[in-house]
N, C-alpha and C. Protein backbone atom coordinates (compact mmCIF):
# COMPACT_ATOMS: atom_id res chain seq x y z
N UNK A 1 89.65 4.61 -41.61
CA UNK A 1 89.98 5.18 -40.28
C UNK A 1 90.12 3.98 -39.38
N UNK A 2 91.11 4.08 -38.53
CA UNK A 2 91.42 2.94 -37.57
C UNK A 2 90.42 2.95 -36.39
N UNK A 3 90.03 1.88 -35.83
CA UNK A 3 89.15 1.79 -34.69
C UNK A 3 89.93 2.05 -33.43
N UNK A 4 89.63 3.22 -32.63
CA UNK A 4 90.41 3.58 -31.47
C UNK A 4 89.81 3.09 -30.13
N UNK A 5 88.70 2.42 -30.14
CA UNK A 5 88.04 1.94 -28.89
C UNK A 5 88.86 0.78 -28.35
N UNK A 6 88.97 0.75 -26.99
CA UNK A 6 89.64 -0.34 -26.29
C UNK A 6 88.76 -1.53 -26.08
N UNK A 7 89.40 -2.66 -26.12
CA UNK A 7 88.63 -3.92 -25.88
C UNK A 7 88.01 -3.81 -24.49
N UNK A 8 86.82 -4.31 -24.31
CA UNK A 8 86.10 -4.32 -23.03
C UNK A 8 86.94 -4.94 -21.91
N UNK A 9 87.72 -6.02 -22.15
CA UNK A 9 88.34 -6.71 -21.08
C UNK A 9 89.52 -5.86 -20.59
N UNK A 10 90.21 -5.04 -21.40
CA UNK A 10 91.28 -4.24 -20.91
C UNK A 10 90.74 -3.12 -20.04
N UNK A 11 89.65 -2.56 -20.47
CA UNK A 11 89.01 -1.53 -19.59
C UNK A 11 88.67 -2.00 -18.16
N UNK A 12 88.17 -3.16 -18.06
CA UNK A 12 87.83 -3.79 -16.83
C UNK A 12 89.09 -4.03 -16.01
N UNK A 13 90.21 -4.47 -16.62
CA UNK A 13 91.41 -4.69 -15.91
C UNK A 13 91.93 -3.36 -15.28
N UNK A 14 91.89 -2.39 -16.02
CA UNK A 14 92.45 -1.04 -15.56
C UNK A 14 91.51 -0.55 -14.35
N UNK A 15 90.26 -0.71 -14.42
CA UNK A 15 89.43 -0.26 -13.36
C UNK A 15 89.70 -1.02 -12.10
N UNK A 16 89.98 -2.33 -12.24
CA UNK A 16 90.25 -3.18 -11.07
C UNK A 16 91.61 -2.73 -10.44
N UNK A 17 92.58 -2.43 -11.27
CA UNK A 17 93.90 -2.03 -10.69
C UNK A 17 93.78 -0.73 -9.94
N UNK A 18 92.97 0.28 -10.43
CA UNK A 18 92.87 1.53 -9.67
C UNK A 18 92.08 1.33 -8.42
N UNK A 19 91.13 0.46 -8.33
CA UNK A 19 90.47 0.23 -7.09
C UNK A 19 91.28 -0.43 -6.07
N UNK A 20 92.25 -1.32 -6.48
CA UNK A 20 93.11 -2.03 -5.58
C UNK A 20 94.16 -1.08 -4.98
N UNK A 21 94.73 -0.15 -5.84
CA UNK A 21 95.63 0.90 -5.30
C UNK A 21 94.98 1.82 -4.28
N UNK A 22 93.70 2.22 -4.53
CA UNK A 22 93.04 3.06 -3.57
C UNK A 22 92.84 2.37 -2.24
N UNK A 23 92.50 1.12 -2.21
CA UNK A 23 92.32 0.38 -0.97
C UNK A 23 93.64 0.27 -0.20
N UNK A 24 94.75 0.01 -0.83
CA UNK A 24 96.05 -0.07 -0.18
C UNK A 24 96.46 1.27 0.46
N UNK A 25 96.17 2.40 -0.24
CA UNK A 25 96.50 3.69 0.31
C UNK A 25 95.74 3.97 1.53
N UNK A 26 94.38 3.63 1.57
CA UNK A 26 93.54 3.88 2.71
C UNK A 26 94.04 3.12 3.97
N UNK A 27 94.42 1.88 3.79
CA UNK A 27 94.95 1.11 4.88
C UNK A 27 96.15 1.63 5.44
N UNK A 28 97.14 2.12 4.68
CA UNK A 28 98.34 2.71 5.18
C UNK A 28 98.18 3.90 5.94
N UNK A 29 97.19 4.88 5.58
CA UNK A 29 96.89 6.06 6.33
C UNK A 29 96.35 5.89 7.73
N UNK A 30 95.50 4.87 7.87
CA UNK A 30 94.96 4.56 9.29
C UNK A 30 96.00 4.08 10.17
N UNK A 31 96.91 3.27 9.80
CA UNK A 31 97.96 2.69 10.70
C UNK A 31 98.89 3.80 11.16
N UNK A 32 99.06 4.92 10.39
CA UNK A 32 100.01 5.98 10.80
C UNK A 32 99.27 6.77 11.90
N UNK A 33 97.94 6.98 11.94
CA UNK A 33 97.27 7.83 12.89
C UNK A 33 97.10 7.21 14.21
N UNK A 34 96.75 5.98 14.30
CA UNK A 34 96.55 5.36 15.60
C UNK A 34 97.21 4.01 15.63
N UNK A 35 98.16 3.93 16.68
CA UNK A 35 98.81 2.68 16.86
C UNK A 35 98.08 1.71 17.78
N UNK A 36 98.64 0.61 18.09
CA UNK A 36 97.97 -0.44 18.91
C UNK A 36 97.61 0.08 20.30
N UNK A 37 96.37 -0.10 20.80
CA UNK A 37 95.97 0.36 22.18
C UNK A 37 95.81 1.76 22.32
N UNK A 38 95.78 2.57 21.33
CA UNK A 38 95.67 4.09 21.49
C UNK A 38 94.49 4.55 20.72
N UNK A 39 93.66 5.34 21.34
CA UNK A 39 92.52 5.96 20.59
C UNK A 39 92.97 7.01 19.62
N UNK A 40 92.38 7.11 18.51
CA UNK A 40 92.84 8.20 17.55
C UNK A 40 92.71 9.61 18.07
N UNK A 41 91.80 9.82 19.08
CA UNK A 41 91.57 11.08 19.64
C UNK A 41 92.32 11.30 20.89
N UNK A 42 93.13 10.33 21.35
CA UNK A 42 93.84 10.48 22.60
C UNK A 42 94.83 11.58 22.67
N UNK A 43 95.44 11.89 21.56
CA UNK A 43 96.43 12.94 21.56
C UNK A 43 95.95 14.37 21.77
N UNK A 44 94.67 14.52 21.41
CA UNK A 44 94.07 15.86 21.50
C UNK A 44 92.98 15.97 22.64
N UNK A 45 92.35 14.92 23.01
CA UNK A 45 91.31 14.93 24.02
C UNK A 45 91.85 15.08 25.40
N UNK A 46 93.02 14.70 25.76
CA UNK A 46 93.54 14.86 27.13
C UNK A 46 95.03 14.65 27.16
N UNK A 47 95.73 15.59 27.63
CA UNK A 47 97.17 15.33 27.75
C UNK A 47 97.42 14.94 29.19
N UNK A 48 98.69 14.89 29.59
CA UNK A 48 99.01 14.57 30.99
C UNK A 48 98.36 15.55 31.95
N UNK A 49 97.80 15.13 33.11
CA UNK A 49 97.17 15.97 34.02
C UNK A 49 98.12 17.05 34.60
N UNK A 50 99.39 16.77 34.63
CA UNK A 50 100.34 17.74 35.08
C UNK A 50 100.41 19.06 34.35
N UNK A 51 99.98 18.91 33.06
CA UNK A 51 100.02 20.13 32.14
C UNK A 51 99.04 21.17 32.68
N UNK A 52 97.86 20.75 33.15
CA UNK A 52 96.85 21.71 33.70
C UNK A 52 97.35 22.29 35.00
N UNK A 53 97.95 21.45 35.88
CA UNK A 53 98.30 21.96 37.24
C UNK A 53 99.53 22.92 37.04
N UNK A 54 100.45 22.67 36.08
CA UNK A 54 101.54 23.59 35.90
C UNK A 54 101.09 24.92 35.42
N UNK A 55 100.01 25.01 34.58
CA UNK A 55 99.48 26.31 34.20
C UNK A 55 98.87 27.07 35.17
N UNK A 56 98.36 26.40 36.31
CA UNK A 56 97.68 27.14 37.43
C UNK A 56 98.64 27.90 38.25
N UNK A 57 98.25 29.06 38.81
CA UNK A 57 99.20 29.88 39.66
C UNK A 57 99.48 29.07 40.94
N UNK A 58 100.73 29.04 41.37
CA UNK A 58 101.07 28.36 42.63
C UNK A 58 100.36 28.97 43.79
N UNK A 59 100.08 28.11 44.83
CA UNK A 59 99.31 28.60 46.07
C UNK A 59 100.14 29.62 46.79
N UNK A 60 101.42 29.67 46.62
CA UNK A 60 102.23 30.65 47.31
C UNK A 60 102.31 32.01 46.69
N UNK A 61 101.57 32.23 45.64
CA UNK A 61 101.65 33.50 44.93
C UNK A 61 101.09 34.58 45.71
N UNK A 62 100.17 34.35 46.70
CA UNK A 62 99.62 35.39 47.51
C UNK A 62 100.67 35.74 48.64
N UNK A 63 101.14 36.93 48.58
CA UNK A 63 102.09 37.29 49.56
C UNK A 63 101.96 38.81 49.89
N UNK A 64 102.92 39.34 50.65
CA UNK A 64 102.89 40.72 51.05
C UNK A 64 102.79 41.61 49.82
N UNK A 65 101.97 42.58 49.84
CA UNK A 65 101.92 43.55 48.67
C UNK A 65 100.86 43.26 47.73
N UNK A 66 100.12 42.08 47.88
CA UNK A 66 99.06 41.82 46.94
C UNK A 66 97.71 42.21 47.38
N UNK A 67 97.63 42.92 48.55
CA UNK A 67 96.41 43.32 49.11
C UNK A 67 95.59 42.31 49.85
N UNK A 68 96.07 41.10 49.97
CA UNK A 68 95.36 40.02 50.73
C UNK A 68 96.25 39.50 51.72
N UNK A 69 95.69 39.00 52.81
CA UNK A 69 96.48 38.39 53.86
C UNK A 69 96.78 36.90 53.54
N UNK A 70 97.93 36.44 53.82
CA UNK A 70 98.26 35.07 53.57
C UNK A 70 97.82 34.19 54.68
N UNK A 71 97.40 34.75 55.82
CA UNK A 71 96.97 33.96 57.03
C UNK A 71 95.60 33.44 56.68
N UNK A 72 95.26 32.28 57.24
CA UNK A 72 93.94 31.65 57.01
C UNK A 72 92.91 32.47 57.69
N UNK A 73 91.68 32.53 57.11
CA UNK A 73 90.57 33.17 57.73
C UNK A 73 90.11 32.52 58.96
N UNK A 74 89.48 33.21 59.89
CA UNK A 74 88.90 32.58 61.07
C UNK A 74 87.71 31.77 60.74
N UNK A 75 87.44 30.71 61.36
CA UNK A 75 86.23 29.87 61.14
C UNK A 75 85.04 30.62 61.57
N UNK A 76 83.93 30.46 60.81
CA UNK A 76 82.59 31.18 61.15
C UNK A 76 82.25 30.85 62.57
N UNK A 77 81.83 31.92 63.31
CA UNK A 77 81.35 31.71 64.76
C UNK A 77 82.48 31.65 65.75
N UNK A 78 83.73 31.81 65.35
CA UNK A 78 84.87 31.74 66.30
C UNK A 78 84.78 33.04 67.09
N UNK A 79 85.21 33.01 68.41
CA UNK A 79 85.13 34.11 69.30
C UNK A 79 86.31 34.99 68.95
N UNK A 80 86.07 36.33 69.06
CA UNK A 80 87.21 37.29 68.90
C UNK A 80 88.24 37.15 69.90
N UNK A 81 89.44 37.46 69.68
CA UNK A 81 90.54 37.28 70.62
C UNK A 81 90.46 38.23 71.80
N UNK A 82 89.68 39.30 71.65
CA UNK A 82 89.66 40.26 72.74
C UNK A 82 88.35 40.14 73.62
N UNK A 83 87.79 38.88 73.65
CA UNK A 83 86.55 38.72 74.37
C UNK A 83 86.72 39.02 75.79
N UNK A 84 87.87 38.57 76.43
CA UNK A 84 88.12 38.88 77.80
C UNK A 84 88.29 40.46 78.03
N UNK A 85 88.91 41.12 77.16
CA UNK A 85 88.96 42.57 77.26
C UNK A 85 87.60 43.26 77.19
N UNK A 86 86.72 42.66 76.29
CA UNK A 86 85.40 43.32 76.23
C UNK A 86 84.61 43.08 77.50
N UNK A 87 84.76 41.90 78.15
CA UNK A 87 84.05 41.70 79.35
C UNK A 87 84.59 42.61 80.44
N UNK A 88 85.88 42.81 80.50
CA UNK A 88 86.49 43.67 81.47
C UNK A 88 86.01 45.11 81.30
N UNK A 89 85.88 45.55 80.06
CA UNK A 89 85.52 46.94 79.80
C UNK A 89 84.03 47.14 80.24
N UNK A 90 83.23 46.12 80.28
CA UNK A 90 81.84 46.29 80.64
C UNK A 90 81.67 46.44 82.16
N UNK A 91 82.73 46.09 82.95
CA UNK A 91 82.64 46.22 84.35
C UNK A 91 82.03 45.10 85.06
N UNK A 92 81.80 43.96 84.26
CA UNK A 92 81.12 42.85 84.84
C UNK A 92 82.03 41.63 85.00
N UNK A 93 83.27 41.80 85.48
CA UNK A 93 84.20 40.79 85.56
C UNK A 93 83.78 39.71 86.55
N UNK A 94 83.00 40.06 87.56
CA UNK A 94 82.56 39.04 88.56
C UNK A 94 81.21 38.34 88.16
N UNK A 95 80.62 38.79 87.12
CA UNK A 95 79.34 38.25 86.79
C UNK A 95 78.17 39.01 87.36
N UNK A 96 77.06 39.01 86.72
CA UNK A 96 75.93 39.77 87.22
C UNK A 96 75.21 39.00 88.30
N UNK A 97 74.52 39.75 89.14
CA UNK A 97 73.76 39.14 90.26
C UNK A 97 72.43 38.50 89.69
N UNK A 98 72.23 37.25 90.11
CA UNK A 98 70.99 36.56 89.67
C UNK A 98 69.87 36.80 90.77
N UNK A 99 68.67 36.58 90.31
CA UNK A 99 67.51 36.72 91.15
C UNK A 99 67.66 35.95 92.44
N UNK A 100 68.12 34.70 92.28
CA UNK A 100 68.24 33.87 93.48
C UNK A 100 69.35 34.18 94.46
N UNK A 101 70.13 35.17 94.06
CA UNK A 101 71.21 35.70 94.96
C UNK A 101 70.85 36.94 95.71
N UNK A 102 69.62 37.43 95.44
CA UNK A 102 69.26 38.78 95.92
C UNK A 102 67.99 38.75 96.88
N UNK A 103 67.92 39.79 97.64
CA UNK A 103 66.71 40.02 98.48
C UNK A 103 66.20 41.39 98.07
N UNK A 104 64.95 41.58 97.93
CA UNK A 104 64.36 42.85 97.60
C UNK A 104 63.63 43.49 98.84
N UNK A 105 63.66 44.80 98.92
CA UNK A 105 62.88 45.47 99.95
C UNK A 105 62.49 46.88 99.49
N UNK A 106 61.53 47.51 100.14
CA UNK A 106 61.18 48.82 99.85
C UNK A 106 61.36 49.69 101.07
N UNK A 107 62.10 50.78 101.02
CA UNK A 107 62.32 51.64 102.19
C UNK A 107 61.12 52.53 102.51
N UNK A 108 61.33 53.29 103.55
CA UNK A 108 60.26 54.19 103.96
C UNK A 108 60.04 55.33 102.97
N UNK A 109 58.79 55.82 102.93
CA UNK A 109 58.44 56.89 102.05
C UNK A 109 59.19 58.22 102.39
N UNK A 110 59.56 58.89 101.35
CA UNK A 110 60.19 60.24 101.62
C UNK A 110 59.32 61.24 100.78
N UNK A 111 58.39 61.84 101.44
CA UNK A 111 57.45 62.77 100.72
C UNK A 111 58.15 64.09 100.39
N UNK A 112 57.65 64.72 99.31
CA UNK A 112 58.18 66.06 98.98
C UNK A 112 57.53 66.60 97.76
N UNK A 113 57.13 67.88 97.76
CA UNK A 113 56.60 68.57 96.62
C UNK A 113 55.48 67.76 95.91
N UNK A 114 54.53 67.23 96.70
CA UNK A 114 53.41 66.55 96.11
C UNK A 114 53.80 65.16 95.58
N UNK A 115 54.99 64.73 95.86
CA UNK A 115 55.50 63.37 95.40
C UNK A 115 55.58 62.38 96.58
N UNK A 116 55.55 61.16 96.26
CA UNK A 116 55.88 60.11 97.16
C UNK A 116 57.04 59.31 96.57
N UNK A 117 58.09 59.27 97.32
CA UNK A 117 59.35 58.58 96.86
C UNK A 117 59.78 57.46 97.79
N UNK A 118 60.15 56.41 97.13
CA UNK A 118 60.60 55.14 97.89
C UNK A 118 61.82 54.65 97.33
N UNK A 119 62.79 54.15 98.18
CA UNK A 119 63.96 53.41 97.64
C UNK A 119 63.56 51.91 97.47
N UNK A 120 63.79 51.44 96.27
CA UNK A 120 63.60 49.99 96.02
C UNK A 120 65.09 49.40 96.12
N UNK A 121 65.22 48.50 97.09
CA UNK A 121 66.63 48.02 97.44
C UNK A 121 66.82 46.55 97.03
N UNK A 122 67.94 46.27 96.47
CA UNK A 122 68.39 44.88 96.18
C UNK A 122 69.63 44.66 96.97
N UNK A 123 69.66 43.54 97.74
CA UNK A 123 70.72 43.19 98.61
C UNK A 123 71.33 41.72 98.16
N UNK A 124 72.65 41.69 98.09
CA UNK A 124 73.35 40.48 97.68
C UNK A 124 73.33 39.54 98.91
N UNK A 125 72.59 38.41 98.87
CA UNK A 125 72.58 37.47 99.94
C UNK A 125 73.42 36.30 99.64
N UNK A 126 74.23 36.24 98.55
CA UNK A 126 75.10 35.13 98.20
C UNK A 126 76.41 35.31 98.90
N UNK A 127 77.30 34.28 98.64
CA UNK A 127 78.70 34.33 99.25
C UNK A 127 79.69 34.85 98.20
N UNK A 128 79.23 35.32 97.08
CA UNK A 128 80.20 35.73 96.01
C UNK A 128 79.86 37.19 95.67
N UNK A 129 80.87 37.89 95.11
CA UNK A 129 80.68 39.25 94.64
C UNK A 129 80.05 39.23 93.24
N UNK A 130 79.03 40.09 93.07
CA UNK A 130 78.33 40.14 91.78
C UNK A 130 78.07 41.58 91.40
N UNK A 131 77.47 41.80 90.24
CA UNK A 131 77.29 43.19 89.84
C UNK A 131 75.85 43.39 89.35
N UNK A 132 75.39 44.64 89.40
CA UNK A 132 74.04 45.04 88.90
C UNK A 132 74.38 46.25 87.95
N UNK A 133 73.61 46.31 86.86
CA UNK A 133 73.78 47.42 85.94
C UNK A 133 72.39 47.83 85.36
N UNK A 134 72.01 49.07 85.54
CA UNK A 134 70.77 49.54 84.84
C UNK A 134 69.61 49.67 85.82
N UNK A 135 68.43 49.39 85.28
CA UNK A 135 67.20 49.65 86.01
C UNK A 135 66.59 48.30 86.47
N UNK A 136 65.97 48.31 87.66
CA UNK A 136 65.10 47.13 88.06
C UNK A 136 63.83 47.21 87.39
N UNK A 137 63.10 46.10 87.35
CA UNK A 137 61.68 46.15 86.94
C UNK A 137 60.81 46.19 88.16
N UNK A 138 59.63 46.70 88.07
CA UNK A 138 58.71 46.85 89.20
C UNK A 138 57.28 46.79 88.74
N UNK A 139 56.44 46.14 89.46
CA UNK A 139 55.04 46.02 89.12
C UNK A 139 54.21 45.83 90.41
N UNK A 140 53.16 46.66 90.57
CA UNK A 140 52.20 46.52 91.66
C UNK A 140 51.20 45.34 91.28
N UNK A 141 50.95 44.50 92.22
CA UNK A 141 49.95 43.39 91.97
C UNK A 141 49.00 43.28 93.09
N UNK A 142 47.82 42.71 92.78
CA UNK A 142 46.80 42.45 93.84
C UNK A 142 47.05 41.04 94.50
N UNK A 143 46.19 40.58 95.37
CA UNK A 143 46.33 39.40 96.03
C UNK A 143 46.45 38.15 95.19
N UNK A 144 45.72 38.28 94.01
CA UNK A 144 45.72 37.15 93.05
C UNK A 144 46.93 37.23 92.07
N UNK A 145 47.76 38.21 92.11
CA UNK A 145 48.91 38.40 91.29
C UNK A 145 48.69 39.16 90.04
N UNK A 146 47.47 39.76 89.88
CA UNK A 146 47.12 40.55 88.72
C UNK A 146 47.82 41.93 88.89
N UNK A 147 48.49 42.36 87.76
CA UNK A 147 49.18 43.67 87.79
C UNK A 147 48.19 44.75 87.81
N UNK A 148 48.55 45.79 88.63
CA UNK A 148 47.70 47.00 88.82
C UNK A 148 48.42 48.14 88.16
N UNK A 149 47.88 48.71 87.12
CA UNK A 149 48.53 49.88 86.47
C UNK A 149 49.64 49.44 85.52
N UNK A 150 50.08 50.46 84.70
CA UNK A 150 51.24 50.04 83.76
C UNK A 150 52.61 49.87 84.40
N UNK A 151 53.45 49.41 83.67
CA UNK A 151 54.92 49.36 84.16
C UNK A 151 55.45 50.77 84.48
N UNK A 152 56.35 50.89 85.45
CA UNK A 152 56.97 52.18 85.69
C UNK A 152 57.83 52.66 84.53
N UNK A 153 57.91 53.98 84.32
CA UNK A 153 58.77 54.57 83.33
C UNK A 153 60.14 54.71 83.80
N UNK A 154 61.15 54.71 83.01
CA UNK A 154 62.54 54.92 83.35
C UNK A 154 62.96 56.35 83.26
N UNK A 155 63.49 56.91 84.30
CA UNK A 155 63.98 58.33 84.21
C UNK A 155 65.29 58.36 83.36
N UNK A 156 65.50 59.43 82.67
CA UNK A 156 66.70 59.58 81.89
C UNK A 156 67.89 59.57 82.86
N UNK A 157 68.86 58.73 82.51
CA UNK A 157 70.00 58.59 83.43
C UNK A 157 71.13 57.88 82.62
N UNK A 158 72.36 57.92 83.18
CA UNK A 158 73.52 57.20 82.68
C UNK A 158 73.86 56.11 83.69
N UNK A 159 73.33 54.87 83.48
CA UNK A 159 73.61 53.80 84.49
C UNK A 159 75.04 53.57 84.75
N UNK A 160 75.36 53.05 85.91
CA UNK A 160 76.70 52.67 86.21
C UNK A 160 76.72 51.28 86.81
N UNK A 161 77.83 50.58 86.64
CA UNK A 161 77.89 49.24 87.19
C UNK A 161 78.13 49.34 88.64
N UNK A 162 77.21 48.54 89.44
CA UNK A 162 77.32 48.60 90.95
C UNK A 162 77.86 47.22 91.31
N UNK A 163 78.95 47.17 92.05
CA UNK A 163 79.56 45.86 92.47
C UNK A 163 79.07 45.65 93.88
N UNK A 164 78.48 44.46 94.07
CA UNK A 164 77.91 44.08 95.39
C UNK A 164 78.78 42.97 95.96
N UNK A 165 79.47 43.27 97.06
CA UNK A 165 80.03 42.17 97.84
C UNK A 165 78.96 41.50 98.62
N UNK A 166 79.26 40.28 99.14
CA UNK A 166 78.21 39.65 99.94
C UNK A 166 77.67 40.59 101.09
N UNK A 167 76.31 40.73 101.05
CA UNK A 167 75.71 41.72 102.04
C UNK A 167 75.53 43.13 101.55
N UNK A 168 76.16 43.38 100.35
CA UNK A 168 76.02 44.75 99.86
C UNK A 168 74.73 45.07 99.15
N UNK A 169 74.39 46.31 99.02
CA UNK A 169 73.07 46.68 98.46
C UNK A 169 73.19 47.75 97.46
N UNK A 170 72.19 47.87 96.62
CA UNK A 170 72.03 48.90 95.62
C UNK A 170 70.52 49.32 95.61
N UNK A 171 70.30 50.58 95.28
CA UNK A 171 68.88 51.01 95.25
C UNK A 171 68.49 51.87 94.09
N UNK A 172 67.19 51.81 93.73
CA UNK A 172 66.61 52.70 92.72
C UNK A 172 65.50 53.49 93.30
N UNK A 173 65.41 54.74 92.92
CA UNK A 173 64.27 55.59 93.48
C UNK A 173 63.04 55.35 92.65
N UNK A 174 61.93 55.07 93.31
CA UNK A 174 60.61 54.97 92.78
C UNK A 174 59.74 56.15 93.25
N UNK A 175 59.15 56.86 92.25
CA UNK A 175 58.34 58.08 92.57
C UNK A 175 57.09 58.10 91.83
N UNK A 176 56.09 58.73 92.42
CA UNK A 176 54.79 58.99 91.82
C UNK A 176 54.11 60.11 92.51
N UNK A 177 53.22 60.80 91.80
CA UNK A 177 52.51 61.95 92.42
C UNK A 177 51.56 61.43 93.47
N UNK A 178 51.40 62.19 94.54
CA UNK A 178 50.51 61.83 95.64
C UNK A 178 49.06 61.76 95.03
N UNK A 179 48.48 60.60 95.11
CA UNK A 179 47.13 60.47 94.51
C UNK A 179 46.05 61.40 95.21
N UNK A 180 46.25 61.81 96.47
CA UNK A 180 45.35 62.69 97.07
C UNK A 180 45.39 64.10 96.47
N UNK A 181 46.49 64.38 95.84
CA UNK A 181 46.68 65.67 95.21
C UNK A 181 46.36 65.69 93.65
N UNK A 182 46.86 64.53 93.08
CA UNK A 182 46.74 64.48 91.62
C UNK A 182 45.30 64.06 91.16
N UNK A 183 44.56 63.38 92.00
CA UNK A 183 43.22 62.93 91.60
C UNK A 183 43.31 61.66 90.66
N UNK A 184 44.42 60.97 90.55
CA UNK A 184 44.51 59.78 89.72
C UNK A 184 43.69 58.66 90.30
N UNK A 185 43.28 57.77 89.46
CA UNK A 185 42.56 56.54 89.96
C UNK A 185 43.58 55.68 90.69
N UNK A 186 43.19 55.11 91.75
CA UNK A 186 44.11 54.37 92.64
C UNK A 186 43.73 52.97 92.96
N UNK A 187 44.62 52.24 93.51
CA UNK A 187 44.43 50.84 93.96
C UNK A 187 45.36 50.57 95.15
N UNK A 188 44.99 49.64 95.97
CA UNK A 188 45.80 49.36 97.15
C UNK A 188 46.45 47.97 96.91
N UNK A 189 47.67 47.90 96.41
CA UNK A 189 48.31 46.65 96.01
C UNK A 189 48.58 45.77 97.26
N UNK A 190 48.66 44.51 97.01
CA UNK A 190 49.07 43.48 98.03
C UNK A 190 50.55 43.38 98.03
N UNK A 191 51.21 43.54 96.87
CA UNK A 191 52.65 43.31 96.80
C UNK A 191 53.18 44.19 95.63
N UNK A 192 54.46 44.30 95.69
CA UNK A 192 55.26 44.84 94.51
C UNK A 192 56.24 43.82 94.09
N UNK A 193 56.28 43.51 92.77
CA UNK A 193 57.27 42.58 92.23
C UNK A 193 58.49 43.30 91.73
N UNK A 194 59.61 42.94 92.19
CA UNK A 194 60.87 43.63 91.76
C UNK A 194 61.77 42.62 91.04
N UNK A 195 62.12 43.01 89.80
CA UNK A 195 62.92 42.15 88.85
C UNK A 195 64.34 42.76 88.78
N UNK A 196 65.38 42.07 89.08
CA UNK A 196 66.78 42.62 88.91
C UNK A 196 67.07 42.79 87.46
N UNK A 197 67.95 43.71 87.11
CA UNK A 197 68.32 43.87 85.69
C UNK A 197 68.79 42.65 85.02
N UNK A 198 68.36 42.43 83.79
CA UNK A 198 68.75 41.39 82.92
C UNK A 198 68.22 40.00 83.41
N UNK A 199 67.27 40.02 84.38
CA UNK A 199 66.73 38.76 84.86
C UNK A 199 65.22 38.72 84.53
N UNK A 200 64.69 37.51 84.61
CA UNK A 200 63.19 37.26 84.33
C UNK A 200 62.41 37.06 85.51
N UNK A 201 63.05 36.37 86.45
CA UNK A 201 62.35 36.00 87.71
C UNK A 201 62.31 37.24 88.64
N UNK A 202 61.15 37.34 89.37
CA UNK A 202 60.97 38.52 90.21
C UNK A 202 61.00 38.12 91.73
N UNK A 203 61.17 39.12 92.60
CA UNK A 203 61.09 39.06 93.96
C UNK A 203 59.91 39.78 94.51
N UNK A 204 59.17 39.06 95.32
CA UNK A 204 57.88 39.67 95.86
C UNK A 204 58.12 40.32 97.18
N UNK A 205 57.61 41.59 97.26
CA UNK A 205 57.73 42.37 98.55
C UNK A 205 56.28 42.76 98.90
N UNK A 206 55.93 42.55 100.22
CA UNK A 206 54.65 43.02 100.64
C UNK A 206 54.58 44.51 100.66
N UNK A 207 53.51 45.06 100.10
CA UNK A 207 53.35 46.51 100.02
C UNK A 207 52.49 47.02 101.15
N UNK A 208 53.14 47.92 101.95
CA UNK A 208 52.37 48.43 103.13
C UNK A 208 52.23 49.87 103.15
N UNK A 209 52.46 50.53 101.98
CA UNK A 209 52.47 52.00 101.89
C UNK A 209 51.15 52.61 101.40
N UNK A 210 50.11 51.84 101.34
CA UNK A 210 48.78 52.39 100.93
C UNK A 210 48.53 52.43 99.40
N UNK A 211 47.60 53.42 99.01
CA UNK A 211 47.18 53.39 97.62
C UNK A 211 48.26 53.98 96.70
N UNK A 212 48.18 53.53 95.49
CA UNK A 212 49.19 53.99 94.45
C UNK A 212 48.36 54.29 93.22
N UNK A 213 48.81 55.23 92.35
CA UNK A 213 48.10 55.59 91.12
C UNK A 213 48.13 54.49 90.10
N UNK A 214 47.07 54.14 89.43
CA UNK A 214 47.05 53.05 88.43
C UNK A 214 46.40 53.56 87.13
N UNK A 215 45.79 54.71 87.12
CA UNK A 215 45.20 55.22 85.89
C UNK A 215 44.80 56.62 85.95
N UNK A 216 44.55 57.25 84.81
CA UNK A 216 44.09 58.66 84.79
C UNK A 216 45.29 59.54 84.79
N UNK A 217 44.97 60.85 84.93
CA UNK A 217 46.01 61.95 84.92
C UNK A 217 46.99 61.72 86.09
N UNK A 218 48.19 62.13 85.88
CA UNK A 218 49.28 62.10 86.88
C UNK A 218 49.40 60.77 87.54
N UNK A 219 49.25 59.70 86.74
CA UNK A 219 49.26 58.30 87.35
C UNK A 219 50.65 57.60 87.10
N UNK A 220 51.54 58.26 86.34
CA UNK A 220 52.78 57.58 86.03
C UNK A 220 53.73 57.36 87.18
N UNK A 221 54.24 56.14 87.31
CA UNK A 221 55.26 55.79 88.28
C UNK A 221 56.60 55.73 87.58
N UNK A 222 57.68 56.30 88.15
CA UNK A 222 58.94 56.30 87.58
C UNK A 222 59.95 55.63 88.43
N UNK A 223 61.08 55.15 87.76
CA UNK A 223 62.19 54.49 88.41
C UNK A 223 63.50 55.11 87.98
N UNK A 224 64.48 55.22 88.84
CA UNK A 224 65.83 55.67 88.50
C UNK A 224 66.69 54.41 88.32
N UNK A 225 67.84 54.64 87.79
CA UNK A 225 68.86 53.55 87.68
C UNK A 225 69.44 53.19 89.06
N UNK A 226 69.97 52.01 89.15
CA UNK A 226 70.49 51.57 90.44
C UNK A 226 71.83 52.24 90.75
N UNK A 227 71.99 52.58 92.05
CA UNK A 227 73.22 53.17 92.61
C UNK A 227 73.56 52.46 93.89
N UNK A 228 74.81 52.52 94.31
CA UNK A 228 75.22 51.86 95.51
C UNK A 228 74.46 52.35 96.81
N UNK A 229 74.23 51.49 97.77
CA UNK A 229 73.53 51.90 99.08
C UNK A 229 72.21 51.42 99.17
N UNK A 230 71.58 51.99 100.15
CA UNK A 230 70.14 51.57 100.48
C UNK A 230 69.12 52.73 100.40
N UNK A 231 69.65 53.88 99.97
CA UNK A 231 68.70 55.03 99.80
C UNK A 231 69.40 56.37 99.85
N UNK A 232 68.72 57.45 99.70
CA UNK A 232 69.33 58.83 99.70
C UNK A 232 69.75 59.15 101.13
């Protein structure tokens, strides 16, 4: 039988040739994938930026019929366009009367049906026309300025804007049950403080009408809304 085994040196030569061919094939594949100065992943990691922008909807796509307005929205806190109309509708086009522009006074008592009624009057002492709307505030105080009794209650009413020209007046009716009849606890105030509507500063008026109810049954003092004039 003939010996079929190959000589050792021929086997080694064949193995070397196979290894050399494999190395050459690997080098050729890398050069085809990435050329000079280009990352192998550049073709897939990011294309031209214009490709993304082109795919986005154009800004002008919002138009009539899409349910949205194409006009820009107003900035937060911007004033409505009808501010002047709103001010006019309120009846305060001349601006409200400030405490420093007014003088307060209390008219003579008008007794009736067990009640004592007084007009509380506000007069415009300024050189401009101004307005009053609503109820004045009122509080009886002693000589030290301490309040006597609770704040007056407001009678049910529909206030109206009162326009006061220089020298003009408005009045509110102040009423309480006669303490001699009601038996309420009383005090003799030194003054009454009158506060114009929407103001914080008060006007002091010397009180000369005697005792007023400050506690107990039938001690409530009430005020009406301001109306033009100086009394009934």
